[in-house]
N, C-alpha and C. Protein backbone atom coordinates (compact mmCIF):
# COMPACT_ATOMS: atom_id res chain seq x y z
N UNK A 1 99.21 153.13 165.17
CA UNK A 1 100.06 152.95 163.98
C UNK A 1 101.10 151.88 164.26
N UNK A 2 100.91 150.71 163.69
CA UNK A 2 101.85 149.60 163.90
C UNK A 2 103.23 149.94 163.36
N UNK A 3 103.26 150.62 162.22
CA UNK A 3 104.56 150.96 161.62
C UNK A 3 105.34 151.90 162.54
N UNK A 4 104.66 152.86 163.10
CA UNK A 4 105.32 153.81 164.00
C UNK A 4 105.83 153.08 165.24
N UNK A 5 105.03 152.18 165.80
CA UNK A 5 105.45 151.40 166.97
C UNK A 5 106.68 150.56 166.64
N UNK A 6 106.70 149.99 165.45
CA UNK A 6 107.85 149.17 165.04
C UNK A 6 109.10 150.03 164.93
N UNK A 7 108.95 151.24 164.42
CA UNK A 7 110.11 152.14 164.30
C UNK A 7 110.64 152.52 165.68
N UNK A 8 109.73 152.81 166.59
CA UNK A 8 110.13 153.22 167.93
C UNK A 8 110.85 152.08 168.66
N UNK A 9 110.37 150.85 168.49
CA UNK A 9 110.96 149.71 169.19
C UNK A 9 112.18 149.16 168.47
N UNK A 10 112.41 149.59 167.24
CA UNK A 10 113.56 149.10 166.47
C UNK A 10 114.85 149.60 167.10
N UNK A 11 115.85 148.75 167.25
CA UNK A 11 117.12 149.17 167.83
C UNK A 11 117.88 150.19 166.97
N UNK A 12 117.59 150.21 165.67
CA UNK A 12 118.25 151.17 164.78
C UNK A 12 117.20 151.89 163.92
N UNK A 13 116.35 152.70 164.55
CA UNK A 13 115.26 153.36 163.79
C UNK A 13 115.77 154.28 162.69
N UNK A 14 116.88 154.96 162.92
CA UNK A 14 117.39 155.89 161.92
C UNK A 14 117.73 155.16 160.63
N UNK A 15 118.34 154.00 160.74
CA UNK A 15 118.71 153.23 159.55
C UNK A 15 117.46 152.78 158.82
N UNK A 16 116.43 152.36 159.57
CA UNK A 16 115.19 151.90 158.95
C UNK A 16 114.49 153.05 158.25
N UNK A 17 114.45 154.21 158.88
CA UNK A 17 113.81 155.38 158.27
C UNK A 17 114.56 155.77 157.00
N UNK A 18 115.89 155.78 157.07
CA UNK A 18 116.69 156.15 155.90
C UNK A 18 116.42 155.19 154.74
N UNK A 19 116.30 153.90 155.05
CA UNK A 19 116.03 152.91 154.01
C UNK A 19 114.65 153.15 153.40
N UNK A 20 113.67 153.46 154.24
CA UNK A 20 112.31 153.69 153.75
C UNK A 20 112.26 154.94 152.87
N UNK A 21 112.93 156.00 153.30
CA UNK A 21 112.95 157.24 152.52
C UNK A 21 113.65 157.01 151.19
N UNK A 22 114.76 156.29 151.22
CA UNK A 22 115.50 156.01 149.99
C UNK A 22 114.64 155.21 149.02
N UNK A 23 113.95 154.19 149.53
CA UNK A 23 113.11 153.35 148.68
C UNK A 23 111.95 154.15 148.09
N UNK A 24 111.29 154.98 148.92
CA UNK A 24 110.16 155.76 148.42
C UNK A 24 110.64 156.81 147.42
N UNK A 25 111.81 157.38 147.66
CA UNK A 25 112.35 158.37 146.74
C UNK A 25 112.64 157.75 145.39
N UNK A 26 113.19 156.54 145.39
CA UNK A 26 113.49 155.85 144.14
C UNK A 26 112.20 155.54 143.39
N UNK A 27 111.16 155.14 144.13
CA UNK A 27 109.89 154.81 143.50
C UNK A 27 109.28 156.05 142.85
N UNK A 28 109.37 157.19 143.53
CA UNK A 28 108.82 158.43 142.98
C UNK A 28 109.58 158.82 141.71
N UNK A 29 110.90 158.72 141.72
CA UNK A 29 111.69 159.06 140.53
C UNK A 29 111.34 158.13 139.38
N UNK A 30 111.14 156.85 139.68
CA UNK A 30 110.80 155.88 138.64
C UNK A 30 109.45 156.24 138.02
N UNK A 31 108.48 156.63 138.86
CA UNK A 31 107.16 157.02 138.35
C UNK A 31 107.27 158.25 137.46
N UNK A 32 108.13 159.20 137.82
CA UNK A 32 108.28 160.41 137.02
C UNK A 32 108.92 160.09 135.67
N UNK A 33 109.86 159.14 135.65
CA UNK A 33 110.52 158.79 134.40
C UNK A 33 109.59 158.00 133.48
N UNK A 34 108.66 157.26 134.08
CA UNK A 34 107.77 156.41 133.29
C UNK A 34 106.31 156.76 133.57
N UNK A 35 105.85 157.91 133.06
CA UNK A 35 104.46 158.31 133.32
C UNK A 35 103.49 157.32 132.68
N UNK A 36 102.38 157.02 133.35
CA UNK A 36 101.40 156.08 132.80
C UNK A 36 100.75 156.60 131.52
N UNK A 37 100.45 155.70 130.60
CA UNK A 37 99.77 156.05 129.34
C UNK A 37 100.56 157.06 128.51
N UNK A 38 101.83 157.21 128.77
CA UNK A 38 102.67 158.10 127.98
C UNK A 38 102.24 159.55 128.04
N UNK A 39 101.56 159.95 129.12
CA UNK A 39 101.09 161.33 129.22
C UNK A 39 102.11 162.21 129.90
């Protein structure tokens, strides 16, 4: 897993993980607010 290796070698992995979680959380909320095909 290249992504996992990058996280482990990153000098600030916690900050990177927090940013990734925040971004994915925002994307999920956006999808819930705007369901495809109005369903």
